[in-house]
Amino acid sequence: MSGQIRILVADDHPLMRSGIAAEINAEPDMSVVASAGDGEEALSLFRLHRPDIALIDLRMPRMNGLDLISAIRTDFPAARIIILTTASGDVHAIRAFRLGASGYLLKHMLRGDLITTIREIHAGKRRVPNEVAQLLAQHAMEEQMTPREIDVLSKVALGRSNKIIGHELSISEHTVKAHLKAILSKLGASDRTHAVTIATRRGFLD
């Protein structure tokens, strides 16, 4: 129908997709034109249908949400994308917006905010949930972890010892300990396990 906001929904949970589609299609000026269960399918459907808005889950098989945003925006720089996620971590949000997302929706807020967010993004605005905005402000002035520090912490999350981490990353055990000291300081963590917990919650680690 002419004048409708055309929307693609990409989420690997069929019930989530159908619920979102039902709510959108109940609006007279909106319609779901495509629905995808993984990132690669979503990219193909975006290229085919050229929707006005894409709702994209961060965690999907065959291409995650961040890689999908990057791929879409490479071919369609004006694409308007809203991230769907259960994760309120500030790092997830920063990465999504840097890649070109226009909005960020936490799944527990969908019932109240989905339609409003779609209308605002379609009108050229940006939208960030208050709880995510507060996290962004809270951590804005903090020193960010380096890619190497994230590599080290990801190995810690797998239960590796300092010696094994050093071997796998081709660095000395002393260097691993230095990275861990910096990681604990940057995250405000009391020990290795606490650091992994904080890093996962904020989105440094999946």
C-alpha atoms as a PDB file:
ATOM      1  CA  MET A   1       0.000   0.000   0.000  1.00  0.00           C
ATOM      2  CA  SER A   2       1.355   3.404  -0.986  1.00  0.00           C
ATOM      3  CA  GLY A   3       2.731   5.465   1.884  1.00  0.00           C
ATOM      4  CA  GLN A   4       3.230   2.545   4.245  1.00  0.00           C
ATOM      5  CA  ILE A   5       6.418   2.120   6.246  1.00  0.00           C
ATOM      6  CA  ARG A   6       7.923  -1.111   4.898  1.00  0.00           C
ATOM      7  CA  ILE A   7       9.783  -3.185   7.486  1.00  0.00           C
ATOM      8  CA  LEU A   8      12.117  -6.176   7.553  1.00  0.00           C
ATOM      9  CA  VAL A   9      12.279  -8.233  10.767  1.00  0.00           C
ATOM     10  CA  ALA A  10      15.376 -10.365  11.437  1.00  0.00           C
ATOM     11  CA  ASP A  11      15.401 -12.563  14.538  1.00  0.00           C
ATOM     12  CA  ASP A  12      16.240 -16.241  14.971  1.00  0.00           C
ATOM     13  CA  HIS A  13      13.214 -16.895  17.223  1.00  0.00           C
ATOM     14  CA  PRO A  14      10.049 -17.590  15.158  1.00  0.00           C
ATOM     15  CA  LEU A  15       7.699 -16.567  17.973  1.00  0.00           C
ATOM     16  CA  MET A  16       9.506 -13.258  18.376  1.00  0.00           C
ATOM     17  CA  ARG A  17       9.287 -12.591  14.639  1.00  0.00           C
ATOM     18  CA  SER A  18       5.593 -13.449  14.479  1.00  0.00           C
ATOM     19  CA  GLY A  19       4.795 -11.340  17.535  1.00  0.00           C
ATOM     20  CA  ILE A  20       6.618  -8.320  16.141  1.00  0.00           C
ATOM     21  CA  ALA A  21       4.996  -8.782  12.735  1.00  0.00           C
ATOM     22  CA  ALA A  22       1.518  -8.993  14.273  1.00  0.00           C
ATOM     23  CA  GLU A  23       2.011  -5.754  16.198  1.00  0.00           C
ATOM     24  CA  ILE A  24       3.426  -3.926  13.166  1.00  0.00           C
ATOM     25  CA  ASN A  25       0.810  -5.201  10.719  1.00  0.00           C
ATOM     26  CA  ALA A  26      -1.956  -4.040  13.072  1.00  0.00           C
ATOM     27  CA  GLU A  27      -0.895  -0.456  12.287  1.00  0.00           C
ATOM     28  CA  PRO A  28      -2.590   0.968   9.154  1.00  0.00           C
ATOM     29  CA  ASP A  29       0.560   2.770   7.979  1.00  0.00           C
ATOM     30  CA  MET A  30       3.047  -0.104   8.462  1.00  0.00           C
ATOM     31  CA  SER A  31       3.677  -3.561   7.043  1.00  0.00           C
ATOM     32  CA  VAL A  32       6.285  -6.302   7.431  1.00  0.00           C
ATOM     33  CA  VAL A  33       7.526  -7.009   3.912  1.00  0.00           C
ATOM     34  CA  ALA A  34      10.130  -9.634   4.861  1.00  0.00           C
ATOM     35  CA  SER A  35      11.057 -11.867   7.794  1.00  0.00           C
ATOM     36  CA  ALA A  36      14.424 -13.597   8.301  1.00  0.00           C
ATOM     37  CA  GLY A  37      15.711 -16.172  10.782  1.00  0.00           C
ATOM     38  CA  ASP A  38      19.441 -15.567  10.290  1.00  0.00           C
ATOM     39  CA  GLY A  39      21.813 -12.831   9.175  1.00  0.00           C
ATOM     40  CA  GLU A  40      22.575 -14.084   5.688  1.00  0.00           C
ATOM     41  CA  GLU A  41      18.880 -14.498   4.876  1.00  0.00           C
ATOM     42  CA  ALA A  42      18.227 -11.003   6.246  1.00  0.00           C
ATOM     43  CA  LEU A  43      20.900  -9.501   3.994  1.00  0.00           C
ATOM     44  CA  SER A  44      19.451 -11.206   0.917  1.00  0.00           C
ATOM     45  CA  LEU A  45      15.925 -10.085   1.792  1.00  0.00           C
ATOM     46  CA  PHE A  46      17.076  -6.525   2.457  1.00  0.00           C
ATOM     47  CA  ARG A  47      18.667  -6.377  -0.993  1.00  0.00           C
ATOM     48  CA  LEU A  48      15.489  -7.775  -2.543  1.00  0.00           C
ATOM     49  CA  HIS A  49      12.876  -5.663  -0.767  1.00  0.00           C
ATOM     50  CA  ARG A  50      14.799  -2.469   0.149  1.00  0.00           C
ATOM     51  CA  PRO A  51      12.686  -1.874   3.288  1.00  0.00           C
ATOM     52  CA  ASP A  52      12.342   1.538   4.920  1.00  0.00           C
ATOM     53  CA  ILE A  53      13.284   0.089   8.313  1.00  0.00           C
ATOM     54  CA  ALA A  54      15.169  -3.071   9.325  1.00  0.00           C
ATOM     55  CA  LEU A  55      14.676  -4.536  12.807  1.00  0.00           C
ATOM     56  CA  ILE A  56      17.765  -6.655  13.494  1.00  0.00           C
ATOM     57  CA  ASP A  57      18.533  -8.958  16.413  1.00  0.00           C
ATOM     58  CA  LEU A  58      22.112  -8.684  17.664  1.00  0.00           C
ATOM     59  CA  ARG A  59      22.562 -12.442  18.095  1.00  0.00           C
ATOM     60  CA  MET A  60      21.738 -14.527  15.026  1.00  0.00           C
ATOM     61  CA  PRO A  61      23.289 -17.529  13.276  1.00  0.00           C
ATOM     62  CA  ARG A  62      25.178 -17.308   9.977  1.00  0.00           C
ATOM     63  CA  MET A  63      25.920 -13.585  10.508  1.00  0.00           C
ATOM     64  CA  ASN A  64      25.440 -11.649  13.725  1.00  0.00           C
ATOM     65  CA  GLY A  65      23.600  -8.367  13.950  1.00  0.00           C
ATOM     66  CA  LEU A  66      26.679  -6.145  13.967  1.00  0.00           C
ATOM     67  CA  ASP A  67      28.139  -7.800  10.864  1.00  0.00           C
ATOM     68  CA  LEU A  68      24.732  -7.537   9.192  1.00  0.00           C
ATOM     69  CA  ILE A  69      24.513  -3.800   9.906  1.00  0.00           C
ATOM     70  CA  SER A  70      27.963  -3.347   8.395  1.00  0.00           C
ATOM     71  CA  ALA A  71      27.050  -5.339   5.285  1.00  0.00           C
ATOM     72  CA  ILE A  72      23.757  -3.498   4.762  1.00  0.00           C
ATOM     73  CA  ARG A  73      25.244  -0.056   5.296  1.00  0.00           C
ATOM     74  CA  THR A  74      28.106  -0.815   2.902  1.00  0.00           C
ATOM     75  CA  ASP A  75      25.610  -1.333   0.060  1.00  0.00           C
ATOM     76  CA  PHE A  76      22.876   1.002   1.340  1.00  0.00           C
ATOM     77  CA  PRO A  77      24.428   3.894   3.321  1.00  0.00           C
ATOM     78  CA  ALA A  78      21.041   5.490   3.991  1.00  0.00           C
ATOM     79  CA  ALA A  79      19.513   2.310   5.469  1.00  0.00           C
ATOM     80  CA  ARG A  80      17.634   2.853   8.724  1.00  0.00           C
ATOM     81  CA  ILE A  81      18.285   0.072  11.192  1.00  0.00           C
ATOM     82  CA  ILE A  82      16.912  -0.636  14.655  1.00  0.00           C
ATOM     83  CA  ILE A  83      18.751  -3.116  16.849  1.00  0.00           C
ATOM     84  CA  LEU A  84      16.736  -5.664  18.835  1.00  0.00           C
ATOM     85  CA  THR A  85      18.491  -7.163  21.830  1.00  0.00           C
ATOM     86  CA  THR A  86      18.152  -8.554  25.327  1.00  0.00           C
ATOM     87  CA  ALA A  87      21.529  -6.982  26.192  1.00  0.00           C
ATOM     88  CA  SER A  88      21.657  -3.445  27.562  1.00  0.00           C
ATOM     89  CA  GLY A  89      25.485  -3.295  27.578  1.00  0.00           C
ATOM     90  CA  ASP A  90      27.024   0.020  26.589  1.00  0.00           C
ATOM     91  CA  VAL A  91      29.664  -1.622  24.358  1.00  0.00           C
ATOM     92  CA  HIS A  92      26.981  -3.355  22.257  1.00  0.00           C
ATOM     93  CA  ALA A  93      25.235  -0.014  21.752  1.00  0.00           C
ATOM     94  CA  ILE A  94      28.410   1.889  20.882  1.00  0.00           C
ATOM     95  CA  ARG A  95      29.387  -0.693  18.258  1.00  0.00           C
ATOM     96  CA  ALA A  96      25.895  -0.704  16.753  1.00  0.00           C
ATOM     97  CA  PHE A  97      25.705   3.086  16.450  1.00  0.00           C
ATOM     98  CA  ARG A  98      29.230   3.353  15.063  1.00  0.00           C
ATOM     99  CA  LEU A  99      28.224   0.888  12.344  1.00  0.00           C
ATOM    100  CA  GLY A 100      25.192   2.989  11.456  1.00  0.00           C
ATOM    101  CA  ALA A 101      22.238   1.828  13.557  1.00  0.00           C
ATOM    102  CA  SER A 102      19.627   4.517  14.175  1.00  0.00           C
ATOM    103  CA  GLY A 103      17.784   2.955  17.093  1.00  0.00           C
ATOM    104  CA  TYR A 104      18.186   0.439  19.878  1.00  0.00           C
ATOM    105  CA  LEU A 105      15.303  -1.570  21.348  1.00  0.00           C
ATOM    106  CA  LEU A 106      15.543  -3.859  24.361  1.00  0.00           C
ATOM    107  CA  LYS A 107      13.240  -6.823  23.852  1.00  0.00           C
ATOM    108  CA  HIS A 108      11.512  -6.403  27.193  1.00  0.00           C
ATOM    109  CA  MET A 109      10.451  -2.931  26.023  1.00  0.00           C
ATOM    110  CA  LEU A 110       9.009  -3.978  22.657  1.00  0.00           C
ATOM    111  CA  ARG A 111       5.351  -3.939  23.645  1.00  0.00           C
ATOM    112  CA  GLY A 112       5.492  -0.331  24.754  1.00  0.00           C
ATOM    113  CA  ASP A 113       8.131   1.168  22.474  1.00  0.00           C
ATOM    114  CA  LEU A 114       8.215  -0.749  19.169  1.00  0.00           C
ATOM    115  CA  ILE A 115       5.746   1.304  17.136  1.00  0.00           C
ATOM    116  CA  THR A 116       6.927   4.662  18.515  1.00  0.00           C
ATOM    117  CA  THR A 117      10.538   3.778  17.777  1.00  0.00           C
ATOM    118  CA  ILE A 118       9.749   2.762  14.194  1.00  0.00           C
ATOM    119  CA  ARG A 119       7.907   6.037  13.576  1.00  0.00           C
ATOM    120  CA  GLU A 120      10.753   8.114  15.043  1.00  0.00           C
ATOM    121  CA  ILE A 121      13.474   6.312  13.076  1.00  0.00           C
ATOM    122  CA  HIS A 122      11.423   6.608   9.886  1.00  0.00           C
ATOM    123  CA  ALA A 123      11.174  10.357  10.547  1.00  0.00           C
ATOM    124  CA  GLY A 124      14.967  10.574  10.672  1.00  0.00           C
ATOM    125  CA  LYS A 125      15.444  10.640  14.435  1.00  0.00           C
ATOM    126  CA  ARG A 126      17.552   8.403  16.679  1.00  0.00           C
ATOM    127  CA  ARG A 127      16.292   6.525  19.701  1.00  0.00           C
ATOM    128  CA  VAL A 128      18.183   5.043  22.646  1.00  0.00           C
ATOM    129  CA  PRO A 129      16.443   3.509  25.696  1.00  0.00           C
ATOM    130  CA  ASN A 130      17.024   5.467  28.903  1.00  0.00           C
ATOM    131  CA  GLU A 131      18.778   2.581  30.640  1.00  0.00           C
ATOM    132  CA  VAL A 132      21.233   2.231  27.738  1.00  0.00           C
ATOM    133  CA  ALA A 133      21.766   6.003  27.562  1.00  0.00           C
ATOM    134  CA  GLN A 134      22.578   6.035  31.280  1.00  0.00           C
ATOM    135  CA  LEU A 135      25.164   3.293  30.798  1.00  0.00           C
ATOM    136  CA  LEU A 136      26.710   5.172  27.885  1.00  0.00           C
ATOM    137  CA  ALA A 137      27.001   8.301  30.036  1.00  0.00           C
ATOM    138  CA  GLN A 138      28.314   6.331  33.019  1.00  0.00           C
ATOM    139  CA  HIS A 139      31.178   4.776  31.064  1.00  0.00           C
ATOM    140  CA  ALA A 140      31.840   7.599  28.572  1.00  0.00           C
ATOM    141  CA  MET A 141      34.939   8.920  30.337  1.00  0.00           C
ATOM    142  CA  GLU A 142      36.454   5.536  31.169  1.00  0.00           C
ATOM    143  CA  GLU A 143      39.521   4.194  29.406  1.00  0.00           C
ATOM    144  CA  GLN A 144      38.402   1.502  26.982  1.00  0.00           C
ATOM    145  CA  MET A 145      39.921  -1.963  26.820  1.00  0.00           C
ATOM    146  CA  THR A 146      42.319  -2.632  23.954  1.00  0.00           C
ATOM    147  CA  PRO A 147      41.739  -5.454  21.439  1.00  0.00           C
ATOM    148  CA  ARG A 148      44.626  -7.388  23.023  1.00  0.00           C
ATOM    149  CA  GLU A 149      43.102  -7.037  26.488  1.00  0.00           C
ATOM    150  CA  ILE A 150      39.808  -8.356  25.131  1.00  0.00           C
ATOM    151  CA  ASP A 151      41.708 -11.287  23.583  1.00  0.00           C
ATOM    152  CA  VAL A 152      43.261 -12.072  26.959  1.00  0.00           C
ATOM    153  CA  LEU A 153      39.970 -11.789  28.817  1.00  0.00           C
ATOM    154  CA  SER A 154      38.200 -14.014  26.287  1.00  0.00           C
ATOM    155  CA  LYS A 155      40.788 -16.694  27.055  1.00  0.00           C
ATOM    156  CA  VAL A 156      40.233 -16.174  30.798  1.00  0.00           C
ATOM    157  CA  ALA A 157      36.504 -16.693  30.170  1.00  0.00           C
ATOM    158  CA  LEU A 158      37.362 -20.094  28.665  1.00  0.00           C
ATOM    159  CA  GLY A 159      39.199 -21.065  31.861  1.00  0.00           C
ATOM    160  CA  ARG A 160      42.718 -20.785  30.462  1.00  0.00           C
ATOM    161  CA  SER A 161      45.677 -20.262  32.810  1.00  0.00           C
ATOM    162  CA  ASN A 162      48.070 -17.349  32.310  1.00  0.00           C
ATOM    163  CA  LYS A 163      50.692 -19.712  30.924  1.00  0.00           C
ATOM    164  CA  ILE A 164      48.314 -21.214  28.347  1.00  0.00           C
ATOM    165  CA  ILE A 165      46.967 -17.773  27.408  1.00  0.00           C
ATOM    166  CA  GLY A 166      50.523 -16.610  26.771  1.00  0.00           C
ATOM    167  CA  HIS A 167      51.216 -19.642  24.592  1.00  0.00           C
ATOM    168  CA  GLU A 168      48.003 -19.237  22.584  1.00  0.00           C
ATOM    169  CA  LEU A 169      48.530 -15.502  22.031  1.00  0.00           C
ATOM    170  CA  SER A 170      52.315 -15.775  21.529  1.00  0.00           C
ATOM    171  CA  ILE A 171      53.099 -13.436  24.422  1.00  0.00           C
ATOM    172  CA  SER A 172      54.933 -14.005  27.705  1.00  0.00           C
ATOM    173  CA  GLU A 173      53.200 -14.999  30.915  1.00  0.00           C
ATOM    174  CA  HIS A 174      54.468 -11.741  32.421  1.00  0.00           C
ATOM    175  CA  THR A 175      52.695  -9.798  29.644  1.00  0.00           C
ATOM    176  CA  VAL A 176      49.483 -11.716  30.302  1.00  0.00           C
ATOM    177  CA  LYS A 177      49.665 -10.714  33.972  1.00  0.00           C
ATOM    178  CA  ALA A 178      50.229  -7.079  32.972  1.00  0.00           C
ATOM    179  CA  HIS A 179      47.182  -7.166  30.697  1.00  0.00           C
ATOM    180  CA  LEU A 180      45.076  -8.709  33.466  1.00  0.00           C
ATOM    181  CA  LYS A 181      46.141  -5.995  35.892  1.00  0.00           C
ATOM    182  CA  ALA A 182      45.049  -3.344  33.382  1.00  0.00           C
ATOM    183  CA  ILE A 183      41.777  -5.185  32.709  1.00  0.00           C
ATOM    184  CA  LEU A 184      40.866  -5.356  36.410  1.00  0.00           C
ATOM    185  CA  SER A 185      41.592  -1.654  36.785  1.00  0.00           C
ATOM    186  CA  LYS A 186      39.588  -0.584  33.721  1.00  0.00           C
ATOM    187  CA  LEU A 187      36.557  -2.706  34.636  1.00  0.00           C
ATOM    188  CA  GLY A 188      36.708  -2.038  38.359  1.00  0.00           C
ATOM    189  CA  ALA A 189      36.816  -5.797  38.920  1.00  0.00           C
ATOM    190  CA  SER A 190      38.057  -7.579  42.025  1.00  0.00           C
ATOM    191  CA  ASP A 191      39.337 -10.718  40.294  1.00  0.00           C
ATOM    192  CA  ARG A 192      39.395 -12.621  36.993  1.00  0.00           C
ATOM    193  CA  THR A 193      35.899 -14.082  37.359  1.00  0.00           C
ATOM    194  CA  HIS A 194      34.450 -10.703  38.274  1.00  0.00           C
ATOM    195  CA  ALA A 195      36.137  -9.168  35.227  1.00  0.00           C
ATOM    196  CA  VAL A 196      34.577 -11.755  32.915  1.00  0.00           C
ATOM    197  CA  THR A 197      31.146 -11.126  34.445  1.00  0.00           C
ATOM    198  CA  ILE A 198      31.408  -7.345  33.994  1.00  0.00           C
ATOM    199  CA  ALA A 199      32.832  -7.630  30.472  1.00  0.00           C
ATOM    200  CA  THR A 200      30.059  -9.982  29.393  1.00  0.00           C
ATOM    201  CA  ARG A 201      27.333  -7.733  30.839  1.00  0.00           C
ATOM    202  CA  ARG A 202      28.728  -4.649  29.141  1.00  0.00           C
ATOM    203  CA  GLY A 203      29.250  -6.363  25.797  1.00  0.00           C
ATOM    204  CA  PHE A 204      33.030  -6.677  25.556  1.00  0.00           C
ATOM    205  CA  LEU A 205      32.562 -10.458  25.473  1.00  0.00           C
ATOM    206  CA  ASP A 206      29.743 -12.437  23.887  1.00  0.00           C
END
